[in-house]
Amino acid sequence: MAARVWSIENQKGGTTKTTTATNIAACLTQEHGKSVLLVDLDGRQGSSSDWAASRDDAAPLIPCVIMRETLKRDLPRISVGYDYVIIDGIPNISELTSAAIKASDLVLVPVQPSQYDIWATSDIISLIKERQELTGGAPRAVIMVARAIVGTNIERSAKEAMAEFGFPVLKAQTHQRVAYVEGVVKGLSVMDLPKGDPARQEIEAITLELLEADK
């Protein structure tokens, strides 16, 4: 059976694409026992690949490859034997972004709860919809509120605005938490935190919703 491909995409920088991609990869591996290949499309910054390379011997292996123009040609070959491929997208709209969307079964668009971020998301939404029109609905796409501020209700109005794009908005979301960045240098994820940690619970809930959306 071919690997399921999930792509984390938003052309705007700072939307937590890498944080989301690495933590979902870790959750699929550690919580669900899946074999996961992480694909880093940003060869210049290489944040996902740096994270994967920093994981120590005790951590479950999550291999990561940097791919660029050869994504369409090489991904089917290198993903053989994996349950899931998680693509960490790039912060712009390009042929590579289009190739990642075409290769995906599910696209997750993380959006911070501000009107500026919502406006900036329209281009990637349009690109996904164009692909769906050509294929009759593939890939599936969902939106996630990212880095909401704990104790505020701004995400409620943001979710209403995001819903106007026409894609489902996940019930689960991430909040601004130090836990998401503390262990990165050691290749850790929030899945290495205790079961009751809020950040870990957020990623677990997001991953469950994605698994349901990808059925």
N, C-alpha and C. Protein backbone atom coordinates (compact mmCIF):
# COMPACT_ATOMS: atom_id res chain seq x y z
N MET A 1 0.85 -1.20 0.00
CA MET A 1 0.00 0.00 0.00
C MET A 1 0.88 1.25 0.00
N ALA A 2 0.51 2.22 -0.85
CA ALA A 2 1.30 3.45 -0.95
C ALA A 2 1.15 4.29 0.32
N ALA A 3 2.20 5.02 0.62
CA ALA A 3 2.17 5.91 1.78
C ALA A 3 1.13 7.00 1.58
N ARG A 4 0.48 7.39 2.66
CA ARG A 4 -0.41 8.55 2.63
C ARG A 4 0.45 9.80 2.76
N VAL A 5 0.19 10.78 1.93
CA VAL A 5 1.02 11.99 1.89
C VAL A 5 0.23 13.17 2.44
N TRP A 6 0.75 13.76 3.51
CA TRP A 6 0.16 14.96 4.10
C TRP A 6 1.14 16.11 3.90
N SER A 7 0.65 17.21 3.40
CA SER A 7 1.49 18.37 3.15
C SER A 7 1.05 19.54 4.02
N ILE A 8 2.00 20.20 4.67
CA ILE A 8 1.73 21.36 5.51
C ILE A 8 2.11 22.60 4.71
N GLU A 9 1.12 23.36 4.29
CA GLU A 9 1.38 24.43 3.31
C GLU A 9 0.77 25.76 3.73
N ASN A 10 1.55 26.80 3.55
CA ASN A 10 1.08 28.18 3.62
C ASN A 10 2.21 29.04 3.08
N GLN A 11 1.92 29.91 2.12
CA GLN A 11 3.00 30.68 1.51
C GLN A 11 3.56 31.74 2.44
N LYS A 12 2.84 32.04 3.52
CA LYS A 12 3.31 33.04 4.47
C LYS A 12 4.31 32.41 5.44
N GLY A 13 5.40 33.10 5.72
CA GLY A 13 6.35 32.61 6.70
C GLY A 13 5.83 32.76 8.11
N GLY A 14 6.36 31.97 9.05
CA GLY A 14 6.01 32.11 10.45
C GLY A 14 4.67 31.55 10.83
N THR A 15 4.13 30.65 10.01
CA THR A 15 2.81 30.08 10.32
C THR A 15 2.91 28.73 11.02
N THR A 16 4.09 28.37 11.48
CA THR A 16 4.35 27.13 12.23
C THR A 16 4.30 25.88 11.34
N LYS A 17 4.62 26.02 10.06
CA LYS A 17 4.62 24.84 9.19
C LYS A 17 5.57 23.77 9.70
N THR A 18 6.80 24.16 10.02
CA THR A 18 7.80 23.17 10.46
C THR A 18 7.44 22.61 11.83
N THR A 19 7.03 23.46 12.75
CA THR A 19 6.62 22.99 14.08
C THR A 19 5.48 21.99 13.95
N THR A 20 4.52 22.31 13.11
CA THR A 20 3.37 21.42 12.92
C THR A 20 3.80 20.12 12.26
N ALA A 21 4.61 20.20 11.22
CA ALA A 21 5.04 19.01 10.48
C ALA A 21 5.83 18.06 11.37
N THR A 22 6.80 18.58 12.12
CA THR A 22 7.65 17.71 12.93
C THR A 22 6.87 17.08 14.07
N ASN A 23 5.97 17.83 14.67
CA ASN A 23 5.21 17.28 15.80
C ASN A 23 4.17 16.26 15.34
N ILE A 24 3.55 16.50 14.20
CA ILE A 24 2.62 15.51 13.67
C ILE A 24 3.37 14.23 13.29
N ALA A 25 4.55 14.38 12.69
CA ALA A 25 5.36 13.21 12.36
C ALA A 25 5.70 12.42 13.61
N ALA A 26 6.07 13.13 14.68
CA ALA A 26 6.39 12.46 15.94
C ALA A 26 5.17 11.77 16.54
N CYS A 27 4.02 12.41 16.44
CA CYS A 27 2.79 11.83 17.00
C CYS A 27 2.40 10.56 16.24
N LEU A 28 2.47 10.60 14.92
CA LEU A 28 2.16 9.41 14.14
C LEU A 28 3.09 8.26 14.49
N THR A 29 4.36 8.60 14.75
CA THR A 29 5.35 7.58 15.06
C THR A 29 5.20 7.04 16.47
N GLN A 30 5.14 7.94 17.45
CA GLN A 30 5.18 7.53 18.85
C GLN A 30 3.82 7.15 19.42
N GLU A 31 2.76 7.79 18.95
CA GLU A 31 1.44 7.52 19.50
C GLU A 31 0.67 6.47 18.69
N HIS A 32 0.93 6.44 17.37
CA HIS A 32 0.15 5.56 16.51
C HIS A 32 0.97 4.43 15.89
N GLY A 33 2.26 4.41 16.17
CA GLY A 33 3.10 3.32 15.69
C GLY A 33 3.29 3.27 14.19
N LYS A 34 3.23 4.42 13.53
CA LYS A 34 3.36 4.47 12.08
C LYS A 34 4.81 4.78 11.68
N SER A 35 5.18 4.29 10.51
CA SER A 35 6.48 4.65 9.95
C SER A 35 6.29 5.91 9.12
N VAL A 36 7.12 6.91 9.37
CA VAL A 36 6.93 8.24 8.78
C VAL A 36 8.21 8.72 8.12
N LEU A 37 8.06 9.26 6.93
CA LEU A 37 9.14 9.95 6.24
C LEU A 37 8.82 11.44 6.23
N LEU A 38 9.74 12.25 6.70
CA LEU A 38 9.57 13.70 6.71
C LEU A 38 10.29 14.27 5.49
N VAL A 39 9.61 15.11 4.73
CA VAL A 39 10.20 15.72 3.54
C VAL A 39 10.29 17.22 3.75
N ASP A 40 11.50 17.74 3.65
CA ASP A 40 11.78 19.16 3.84
C ASP A 40 11.95 19.80 2.47
N LEU A 41 11.07 20.71 2.10
CA LEU A 41 11.16 21.36 0.79
C LEU A 41 12.04 22.60 0.80
N ASP A 42 12.44 23.05 1.97
CA ASP A 42 13.24 24.27 2.06
C ASP A 42 14.71 23.91 2.19
N GLY A 43 15.37 23.74 1.06
CA GLY A 43 16.77 23.33 1.08
C GLY A 43 17.71 24.36 1.65
N ARG A 44 17.31 25.63 1.64
CA ARG A 44 18.18 26.68 2.16
C ARG A 44 18.16 26.73 3.68
N GLN A 45 16.97 26.68 4.26
CA GLN A 45 16.86 26.75 5.72
C GLN A 45 16.95 25.37 6.35
N GLY A 46 16.26 24.39 5.78
CA GLY A 46 16.38 23.01 6.22
C GLY A 46 16.01 22.76 7.67
N SER A 47 14.98 23.44 8.17
CA SER A 47 14.65 23.33 9.60
C SER A 47 14.20 21.92 9.98
N SER A 48 13.35 21.31 9.16
CA SER A 48 12.88 19.96 9.47
C SER A 48 14.02 18.95 9.44
N SER A 49 14.90 19.09 8.46
CA SER A 49 16.02 18.15 8.36
C SER A 49 17.00 18.34 9.52
N ASP A 50 17.19 19.59 9.96
CA ASP A 50 18.05 19.84 11.13
C ASP A 50 17.44 19.20 12.37
N TRP A 51 16.13 19.33 12.53
CA TRP A 51 15.44 18.73 13.68
C TRP A 51 15.60 17.22 13.66
N ALA A 52 15.36 16.61 12.52
CA ALA A 52 15.46 15.15 12.43
C ALA A 52 16.87 14.67 12.72
N ALA A 53 17.86 15.42 12.24
CA ALA A 53 19.25 15.03 12.46
C ALA A 53 19.67 15.18 13.91
N SER A 54 18.94 15.98 14.67
CA SER A 54 19.29 16.24 16.07
C SER A 54 18.72 15.20 17.03
N ARG A 55 17.84 14.32 16.53
CA ARG A 55 17.22 13.32 17.41
C ARG A 55 18.28 12.32 17.86
N ASP A 56 18.31 12.03 19.17
CA ASP A 56 19.33 11.13 19.69
C ASP A 56 18.93 9.67 19.46
N ASP A 57 19.82 8.76 19.87
CA ASP A 57 19.61 7.34 19.61
C ASP A 57 18.39 6.79 20.32
N ALA A 58 17.97 7.43 21.40
CA ALA A 58 16.84 6.92 22.17
C ALA A 58 15.50 7.29 21.55
N ALA A 59 15.50 8.29 20.69
CA ALA A 59 14.25 8.75 20.10
C ALA A 59 13.86 7.88 18.91
N PRO A 60 12.58 7.63 18.68
CA PRO A 60 12.17 6.88 17.49
C PRO A 60 12.69 7.57 16.23
N LEU A 61 13.17 6.79 15.30
CA LEU A 61 13.75 7.33 14.08
C LEU A 61 12.67 7.95 13.19
N ILE A 62 12.89 9.18 12.77
CA ILE A 62 12.04 9.82 11.78
C ILE A 62 12.97 10.35 10.70
N PRO A 63 13.21 9.57 9.66
CA PRO A 63 14.11 10.03 8.61
C PRO A 63 13.55 11.23 7.88
N CYS A 64 14.44 12.09 7.42
CA CYS A 64 14.04 13.30 6.73
C CYS A 64 14.91 13.49 5.50
N VAL A 65 14.30 13.82 4.39
CA VAL A 65 15.03 14.11 3.17
C VAL A 65 14.68 15.50 2.68
N ILE A 66 15.66 16.17 2.10
CA ILE A 66 15.42 17.46 1.46
C ILE A 66 15.13 17.19 -0.01
N MET A 67 14.01 17.66 -0.49
CA MET A 67 13.64 17.47 -1.88
C MET A 67 13.27 18.81 -2.49
N ARG A 68 13.60 18.96 -3.76
CA ARG A 68 13.24 20.18 -4.47
C ARG A 68 12.52 19.83 -5.78
N GLU A 69 13.15 20.13 -6.90
CA GLU A 69 12.48 19.97 -8.18
C GLU A 69 12.18 18.52 -8.55
N THR A 70 12.86 17.59 -7.90
CA THR A 70 12.65 16.17 -8.24
C THR A 70 11.53 15.53 -7.41
N LEU A 71 10.78 16.34 -6.67
CA LEU A 71 9.74 15.80 -5.80
C LEU A 71 8.76 14.90 -6.56
N LYS A 72 8.22 15.39 -7.64
CA LYS A 72 7.22 14.63 -8.39
C LYS A 72 7.79 13.30 -8.87
N ARG A 73 9.02 13.32 -9.34
CA ARG A 73 9.64 12.11 -9.89
C ARG A 73 10.06 11.12 -8.82
N ASP A 74 10.65 11.63 -7.73
CA ASP A 74 11.31 10.75 -6.77
C ASP A 74 10.48 10.35 -5.56
N LEU A 75 9.46 11.14 -5.20
CA LEU A 75 8.71 10.84 -3.98
C LEU A 75 8.07 9.45 -4.00
N PRO A 76 7.43 9.03 -5.09
CA PRO A 76 6.85 7.68 -5.08
C PRO A 76 7.87 6.58 -4.81
N ARG A 77 9.09 6.78 -5.27
CA ARG A 77 10.12 5.77 -5.08
C ARG A 77 10.66 5.76 -3.66
N ILE A 78 10.97 6.92 -3.11
CA ILE A 78 11.61 6.94 -1.79
C ILE A 78 10.62 6.74 -0.65
N SER A 79 9.32 6.85 -0.94
CA SER A 79 8.32 6.68 0.12
C SER A 79 7.85 5.24 0.27
N VAL A 80 8.37 4.36 -0.55
CA VAL A 80 7.99 2.95 -0.47
C VAL A 80 8.35 2.39 0.91
N GLY A 81 7.41 1.72 1.54
CA GLY A 81 7.65 1.11 2.84
C GLY A 81 7.23 1.97 4.02
N TYR A 82 6.87 3.22 3.76
CA TYR A 82 6.41 4.10 4.83
C TYR A 82 4.88 4.14 4.87
N ASP A 83 4.35 4.37 6.06
CA ASP A 83 2.90 4.55 6.19
C ASP A 83 2.48 5.97 5.81
N TYR A 84 3.31 6.95 6.21
CA TYR A 84 2.97 8.35 5.97
C TYR A 84 4.20 9.13 5.51
N VAL A 85 3.94 10.09 4.65
CA VAL A 85 4.94 11.10 4.28
C VAL A 85 4.38 12.45 4.73
N ILE A 86 5.17 13.19 5.50
CA ILE A 86 4.79 14.53 5.93
C ILE A 86 5.68 15.53 5.21
N ILE A 87 5.08 16.38 4.39
CA ILE A 87 5.84 17.38 3.63
C ILE A 87 5.79 18.72 4.35
N ASP A 88 6.96 19.24 4.67
CA ASP A 88 7.09 20.57 5.28
C ASP A 88 7.28 21.57 4.15
N GLY A 89 6.22 22.34 3.84
CA GLY A 89 6.23 23.22 2.68
C GLY A 89 7.11 24.44 2.81
N ILE A 90 7.18 25.21 1.74
CA ILE A 90 8.02 26.40 1.68
C ILE A 90 7.15 27.66 1.78
N PRO A 91 7.74 28.79 2.24
CA PRO A 91 6.95 30.01 2.44
C PRO A 91 6.80 30.85 1.17
N ASN A 92 6.35 30.24 0.10
CA ASN A 92 6.04 30.98 -1.12
C ASN A 92 5.22 30.09 -2.05
N ILE A 93 4.64 30.72 -3.05
CA ILE A 93 3.91 29.99 -4.08
C ILE A 93 4.85 29.78 -5.25
N SER A 94 5.07 28.53 -5.63
CA SER A 94 5.99 28.22 -6.71
C SER A 94 5.59 26.90 -7.35
N GLU A 95 6.34 26.47 -8.35
CA GLU A 95 6.10 25.17 -8.97
C GLU A 95 6.29 24.05 -7.96
N LEU A 96 7.20 24.26 -7.01
CA LEU A 96 7.44 23.25 -6.00
C LEU A 96 6.23 23.12 -5.07
N THR A 97 5.61 24.24 -4.73
CA THR A 97 4.39 24.21 -3.93
C THR A 97 3.30 23.45 -4.67
N SER A 98 3.15 23.72 -5.95
CA SER A 98 2.15 23.03 -6.75
C SER A 98 2.43 21.53 -6.80
N ALA A 99 3.70 21.17 -6.95
CA ALA A 99 4.07 19.76 -7.00
C ALA A 99 3.74 19.05 -5.70
N ALA A 100 3.97 19.75 -4.56
CA ALA A 100 3.67 19.15 -3.26
C ALA A 100 2.18 18.92 -3.10
N ILE A 101 1.38 19.89 -3.55
CA ILE A 101 -0.08 19.75 -3.46
C ILE A 101 -0.55 18.60 -4.33
N LYS A 102 -0.01 18.50 -5.53
CA LYS A 102 -0.38 17.41 -6.44
C LYS A 102 -0.03 16.05 -5.87
N ALA A 103 1.06 15.97 -5.11
CA ALA A 103 1.51 14.70 -4.55
C ALA A 103 0.76 14.31 -3.29
N SER A 104 -0.06 15.22 -2.75
CA SER A 104 -0.66 15.02 -1.44
C SER A 104 -2.04 14.38 -1.49
N ASP A 105 -2.32 13.61 -0.45
CA ASP A 105 -3.67 13.11 -0.21
C ASP A 105 -4.45 14.10 0.65
N LEU A 106 -3.71 14.83 1.50
CA LEU A 106 -4.32 15.78 2.42
C LEU A 106 -3.39 16.97 2.59
N VAL A 107 -3.94 18.17 2.51
CA VAL A 107 -3.16 19.39 2.73
C VAL A 107 -3.69 20.08 3.98
N LEU A 108 -2.79 20.37 4.90
CA LEU A 108 -3.12 21.12 6.12
C LEU A 108 -2.57 22.53 5.98
N VAL A 109 -3.44 23.52 6.16
CA VAL A 109 -3.02 24.92 6.06
C VAL A 109 -3.09 25.56 7.45
N PRO A 110 -1.94 25.73 8.11
CA PRO A 110 -1.96 26.41 9.42
C PRO A 110 -2.05 27.92 9.23
N VAL A 111 -2.94 28.56 9.98
CA VAL A 111 -3.14 30.01 9.85
C VAL A 111 -3.20 30.62 11.24
N GLN A 112 -2.41 31.65 11.45
CA GLN A 112 -2.48 32.35 12.72
C GLN A 112 -3.75 33.21 12.77
N PRO A 113 -4.33 33.38 13.97
CA PRO A 113 -5.62 34.06 14.09
C PRO A 113 -5.51 35.57 14.03
N SER A 114 -5.10 36.07 12.86
CA SER A 114 -5.10 37.51 12.64
C SER A 114 -5.62 37.76 11.23
N GLN A 115 -6.22 38.90 11.03
CA GLN A 115 -6.79 39.19 9.70
C GLN A 115 -5.69 39.25 8.65
N TYR A 116 -4.50 39.76 9.01
CA TYR A 116 -3.40 39.82 8.05
C TYR A 116 -3.02 38.42 7.57
N ASP A 117 -2.96 37.48 8.51
CA ASP A 117 -2.61 36.11 8.14
C ASP A 117 -3.70 35.46 7.31
N ILE A 118 -4.94 35.74 7.64
CA ILE A 118 -6.06 35.19 6.87
C ILE A 118 -6.03 35.71 5.45
N TRP A 119 -5.80 37.02 5.29
CA TRP A 119 -5.70 37.58 3.94
C TRP A 119 -4.56 36.94 3.16
N ALA A 120 -3.43 36.74 3.83
CA ALA A 120 -2.24 36.20 3.17
C ALA A 120 -2.40 34.73 2.76
N THR A 121 -3.41 34.08 3.29
CA THR A 121 -3.63 32.66 3.02
C THR A 121 -4.40 32.43 1.73
N SER A 122 -5.00 33.45 1.18
CA SER A 122 -5.91 33.29 0.04
C SER A 122 -5.23 32.66 -1.18
N ASP A 123 -3.95 32.96 -1.41
CA ASP A 123 -3.27 32.42 -2.58
C ASP A 123 -3.11 30.90 -2.52
N ILE A 124 -2.71 30.39 -1.35
CA ILE A 124 -2.53 28.94 -1.23
C ILE A 124 -3.89 28.24 -1.30
N ILE A 125 -4.92 28.87 -0.76
CA ILE A 125 -6.27 28.31 -0.85
C ILE A 125 -6.69 28.21 -2.31
N SER A 126 -6.43 29.26 -3.08
CA SER A 126 -6.79 29.26 -4.50
C SER A 126 -6.04 28.18 -5.26
N LEU A 127 -4.76 27.98 -4.92
CA LEU A 127 -3.96 26.96 -5.60
C LEU A 127 -4.51 25.55 -5.32
N ILE A 128 -4.89 25.31 -4.09
CA ILE A 128 -5.46 24.00 -3.73
C ILE A 128 -6.79 23.79 -4.46
N LYS A 129 -7.63 24.83 -4.49
CA LYS A 129 -8.93 24.71 -5.15
C LYS A 129 -8.77 24.47 -6.66
N GLU A 130 -7.78 25.09 -7.27
CA GLU A 130 -7.51 24.86 -8.69
C GLU A 130 -7.17 23.40 -8.94
N ARG A 131 -6.37 22.83 -8.04
CA ARG A 131 -6.01 21.42 -8.18
C ARG A 131 -7.24 20.53 -7.98
N GLN A 132 -8.05 20.87 -7.01
CA GLN A 132 -9.26 20.08 -6.75
C GLN A 132 -10.22 20.10 -7.94
N GLU A 133 -10.31 21.24 -8.61
CA GLU A 133 -11.19 21.34 -9.77
C GLU A 133 -10.71 20.43 -10.90
N LEU A 134 -9.40 20.27 -11.03
CA LEU A 134 -8.84 19.41 -12.08
C LEU A 134 -9.01 17.93 -11.77
N THR A 135 -9.04 17.59 -10.50
CA THR A 135 -9.04 16.18 -10.10
C THR A 135 -10.39 15.69 -9.59
N GLY A 136 -11.33 16.59 -9.46
CA GLY A 136 -12.61 16.20 -8.91
C GLY A 136 -12.64 16.13 -7.39
N GLY A 137 -11.73 16.87 -6.76
CA GLY A 137 -11.78 16.97 -5.29
C GLY A 137 -10.52 16.63 -4.55
N ALA A 138 -9.49 16.13 -5.23
CA ALA A 138 -8.23 15.79 -4.54
C ALA A 138 -7.21 16.91 -4.73
N PRO A 139 -6.39 17.16 -3.73
CA PRO A 139 -6.38 16.51 -2.40
C PRO A 139 -7.43 17.13 -1.48
N ARG A 140 -7.73 16.41 -0.42
CA ARG A 140 -8.56 17.00 0.62
C ARG A 140 -7.74 18.08 1.31
N ALA A 141 -8.43 19.08 1.86
CA ALA A 141 -7.71 20.18 2.51
C ALA A 141 -8.46 20.61 3.77
N VAL A 142 -7.69 20.95 4.78
CA VAL A 142 -8.26 21.45 6.04
C VAL A 142 -7.41 22.62 6.53
N ILE A 143 -8.03 23.47 7.33
CA ILE A 143 -7.35 24.63 7.90
C ILE A 143 -7.22 24.44 9.41
N MET A 144 -6.11 24.91 9.97
CA MET A 144 -5.89 24.81 11.41
C MET A 144 -5.49 26.17 11.98
N VAL A 145 -6.12 26.56 13.06
CA VAL A 145 -5.70 27.76 13.78
C VAL A 145 -4.38 27.46 14.49
N ALA A 146 -3.38 28.29 14.25
CA ALA A 146 -2.05 28.07 14.81
C ALA A 146 -1.64 29.24 15.70
N ARG A 147 -1.02 28.91 16.81
CA ARG A 147 -0.48 29.91 17.74
C ARG A 147 -1.55 30.85 18.27
N ALA A 148 -2.70 30.29 18.59
CA ALA A 148 -3.72 31.10 19.27
C ALA A 148 -3.19 31.49 20.64
N ILE A 149 -3.66 32.59 21.16
CA ILE A 149 -3.19 33.06 22.47
C ILE A 149 -4.12 32.53 23.55
N VAL A 150 -3.55 31.82 24.50
CA VAL A 150 -4.32 31.22 25.58
C VAL A 150 -5.07 32.30 26.36
N GLY A 151 -6.33 32.05 26.63
CA GLY A 151 -7.11 32.97 27.44
C GLY A 151 -7.82 34.05 26.66
N THR A 152 -7.73 34.00 25.32
CA THR A 152 -8.45 34.97 24.50
C THR A 152 -9.46 34.25 23.62
N ASN A 153 -10.41 35.00 23.10
CA ASN A 153 -11.43 34.42 22.23
C ASN A 153 -11.27 34.83 20.77
N ILE A 154 -10.10 35.36 20.43
CA ILE A 154 -9.90 35.86 19.08
C ILE A 154 -9.99 34.74 18.05
N GLU A 155 -9.63 33.50 18.47
CA GLU A 155 -9.66 32.41 17.50
C GLU A 155 -11.08 32.10 17.04
N ARG A 156 -12.08 32.45 17.84
CA ARG A 156 -13.46 32.17 17.44
C ARG A 156 -13.82 32.97 16.20
N SER A 157 -13.54 34.26 16.22
CA SER A 157 -13.84 35.08 15.04
C SER A 157 -12.93 34.71 13.88
N ALA A 158 -11.69 34.31 14.20
CA ALA A 158 -10.76 33.90 13.15
C ALA A 158 -11.25 32.64 12.46
N LYS A 159 -11.76 31.68 13.24
CA LYS A 159 -12.28 30.44 12.65
C LYS A 159 -13.45 30.73 11.73
N GLU A 160 -14.30 31.68 12.11
CA GLU A 160 -15.44 32.04 11.27
C GLU A 160 -14.95 32.62 9.94
N ALA A 161 -13.90 33.44 10.01
CA ALA A 161 -13.36 34.03 8.79
C ALA A 161 -12.68 32.96 7.93
N MET A 162 -11.96 32.03 8.57
CA MET A 162 -11.29 30.97 7.83
C MET A 162 -12.28 30.03 7.15
N ALA A 163 -13.42 29.81 7.79
CA ALA A 163 -14.44 28.92 7.23
C ALA A 163 -14.96 29.44 5.90
N GLU A 164 -14.84 30.74 5.67
CA GLU A 164 -15.31 31.31 4.41
C GLU A 164 -14.48 30.85 3.22
N PHE A 165 -13.29 30.30 3.48
CA PHE A 165 -12.48 29.75 2.39
C PHE A 165 -13.11 28.49 1.80
N GLY A 166 -14.02 27.87 2.54
CA GLY A 166 -14.71 26.70 2.03
C GLY A 166 -14.11 25.37 2.41
N PHE A 167 -13.05 25.38 3.22
CA PHE A 167 -12.45 24.15 3.71
C PHE A 167 -12.80 23.95 5.18
N PRO A 168 -12.87 22.70 5.65
CA PRO A 168 -13.12 22.48 7.07
C PRO A 168 -12.02 23.09 7.93
N VAL A 169 -12.42 23.65 9.06
CA VAL A 169 -11.46 24.18 10.04
C VAL A 169 -11.42 23.20 11.20
N LEU A 170 -10.23 22.72 11.53
CA LEU A 170 -10.10 21.75 12.60
C LEU A 170 -10.62 22.31 13.92
N LYS A 171 -11.23 21.45 14.71
CA LYS A 171 -11.64 21.85 16.06
C LYS A 171 -10.41 22.06 16.93
N ALA A 172 -9.43 21.17 16.77
CA ALA A 172 -8.19 21.27 17.54
C ALA A 172 -7.30 22.37 16.95
N GLN A 173 -6.48 22.97 17.79
CA GLN A 173 -5.59 24.04 17.34
C GLN A 173 -4.38 24.11 18.26
N THR A 174 -3.36 24.81 17.80
CA THR A 174 -2.20 25.03 18.66
C THR A 174 -2.29 26.41 19.28
N HIS A 175 -1.61 26.56 20.42
CA HIS A 175 -1.53 27.85 21.11
C HIS A 175 -0.07 28.24 21.26
N GLN A 176 0.14 29.49 21.58
CA GLN A 176 1.52 29.95 21.83
C GLN A 176 2.00 29.34 23.14
N ARG A 177 2.92 28.40 23.01
CA ARG A 177 3.45 27.71 24.20
C ARG A 177 4.95 27.51 24.03
N VAL A 178 5.69 27.72 25.11
CA VAL A 178 7.13 27.52 25.11
C VAL A 178 7.47 26.07 24.79
N ALA A 179 6.57 25.15 25.14
CA ALA A 179 6.81 23.72 24.94
C ALA A 179 7.11 23.38 23.48
N TYR A 180 6.58 24.17 22.55
CA TYR A 180 6.79 23.87 21.14
C TYR A 180 8.22 24.15 20.67
N VAL A 181 8.96 24.94 21.41
CA VAL A 181 10.31 25.30 20.96
C VAL A 181 11.42 24.82 21.90
N GLU A 182 11.07 24.44 23.11
CA GLU A 182 12.10 24.11 24.10
C GLU A 182 13.02 22.97 23.68
N GLY A 183 12.47 21.90 23.13
CA GLY A 183 13.29 20.72 22.86
C GLY A 183 13.77 20.58 21.43
N VAL A 184 13.53 21.61 20.61
CA VAL A 184 13.82 21.50 19.18
C VAL A 184 15.30 21.23 18.92
N VAL A 185 16.19 21.91 19.65
CA VAL A 185 17.63 21.76 19.40
C VAL A 185 18.11 20.33 19.64
N LYS A 186 17.37 19.58 20.44
CA LYS A 186 17.72 18.18 20.71
C LYS A 186 16.91 17.21 19.85
N GLY A 187 16.13 17.76 18.92
CA GLY A 187 15.32 16.91 18.08
C GLY A 187 14.12 16.33 18.80
N LEU A 188 13.69 16.98 19.87
CA LEU A 188 12.54 16.51 20.63
C LEU A 188 11.25 17.12 20.08
N SER A 189 10.15 16.54 20.46
CA SER A 189 8.84 17.07 20.08
C SER A 189 7.99 17.14 21.33
N VAL A 190 6.79 17.66 21.21
CA VAL A 190 5.90 17.71 22.37
C VAL A 190 5.46 16.30 22.77
N MET A 191 5.67 15.32 21.89
CA MET A 191 5.34 13.94 22.23
C MET A 191 6.31 13.36 23.25
N ASP A 192 7.41 14.05 23.50
CA ASP A 192 8.36 13.63 24.53
C ASP A 192 8.01 14.22 25.89
N LEU A 193 6.96 15.02 25.96
CA LEU A 193 6.49 15.59 27.22
C LEU A 193 5.49 14.64 27.88
N PRO A 194 5.17 14.85 29.15
CA PRO A 194 4.21 13.98 29.84
C PRO A 194 2.86 13.97 29.14
N LYS A 195 2.10 12.92 29.35
CA LYS A 195 0.81 12.72 28.69
C LYS A 195 -0.14 13.90 28.87
N GLY A 196 -0.13 14.51 30.05
CA GLY A 196 -1.09 15.58 30.32
C GLY A 196 -0.65 16.95 29.87
N ASP A 197 0.52 17.07 29.22
CA ASP A 197 1.00 18.38 28.81
C ASP A 197 0.05 18.97 27.75
N PRO A 198 -0.33 20.25 27.90
CA PRO A 198 -1.30 20.86 26.97
C PRO A 198 -0.83 20.85 25.51
N ALA A 199 0.44 21.12 25.27
CA ALA A 199 0.94 21.13 23.89
C ALA A 199 0.86 19.73 23.27
N ARG A 200 1.23 18.73 24.06
CA ARG A 200 1.12 17.36 23.56
C ARG A 200 -0.33 17.00 23.26
N GLN A 201 -1.23 17.39 24.12
CA GLN A 201 -2.64 17.09 23.91
C GLN A 201 -3.16 17.78 22.64
N GLU A 202 -2.66 18.98 22.37
CA GLU A 202 -3.07 19.69 21.15
C GLU A 202 -2.65 18.92 19.90
N ILE A 203 -1.39 18.48 19.87
CA ILE A 203 -0.89 17.75 18.71
C ILE A 203 -1.60 16.41 18.56
N GLU A 204 -1.87 15.74 19.66
CA GLU A 204 -2.59 14.46 19.60
C GLU A 204 -3.99 14.67 19.01
N ALA A 205 -4.66 15.74 19.43
CA ALA A 205 -6.01 16.01 18.94
C ALA A 205 -5.98 16.39 17.46
N ILE A 206 -5.01 17.18 17.05
CA ILE A 206 -4.87 17.56 15.64
C ILE A 206 -4.62 16.33 14.78
N THR A 207 -3.71 15.48 15.23
CA THR A 207 -3.39 14.28 14.46
C THR A 207 -4.60 13.36 14.31
N LEU A 208 -5.36 13.22 15.36
CA LEU A 208 -6.58 12.40 15.28
C LEU A 208 -7.57 12.98 14.26
N GLU A 209 -7.71 14.29 14.25
CA GLU A 209 -8.62 14.90 13.28
C GLU A 209 -8.13 14.71 11.85
N LEU A 210 -6.80 14.77 11.66
CA LEU A 210 -6.25 14.57 10.32
C LEU A 210 -6.44 13.13 9.87
N LEU A 211 -6.26 12.20 10.78
CA LEU A 211 -6.48 10.79 10.43
C LEU A 211 -7.93 10.58 10.01
N GLU A 212 -8.85 11.23 10.69
CA GLU A 212 -10.26 11.11 10.35
C GLU A 212 -10.55 11.78 8.99
N ALA A 213 -9.93 12.94 8.77
CA ALA A 213 -10.16 13.66 7.52
C ALA A 213 -9.60 12.92 6.31
N ASP A 214 -8.59 12.08 6.54
CA ASP A 214 -7.92 11.38 5.46
C ASP A 214 -8.54 10.01 5.16
N LYS A 215 -9.64 9.67 5.79
CA LYS A 215 -10.28 8.39 5.54
C LYS A 215 -11.00 8.38 4.20
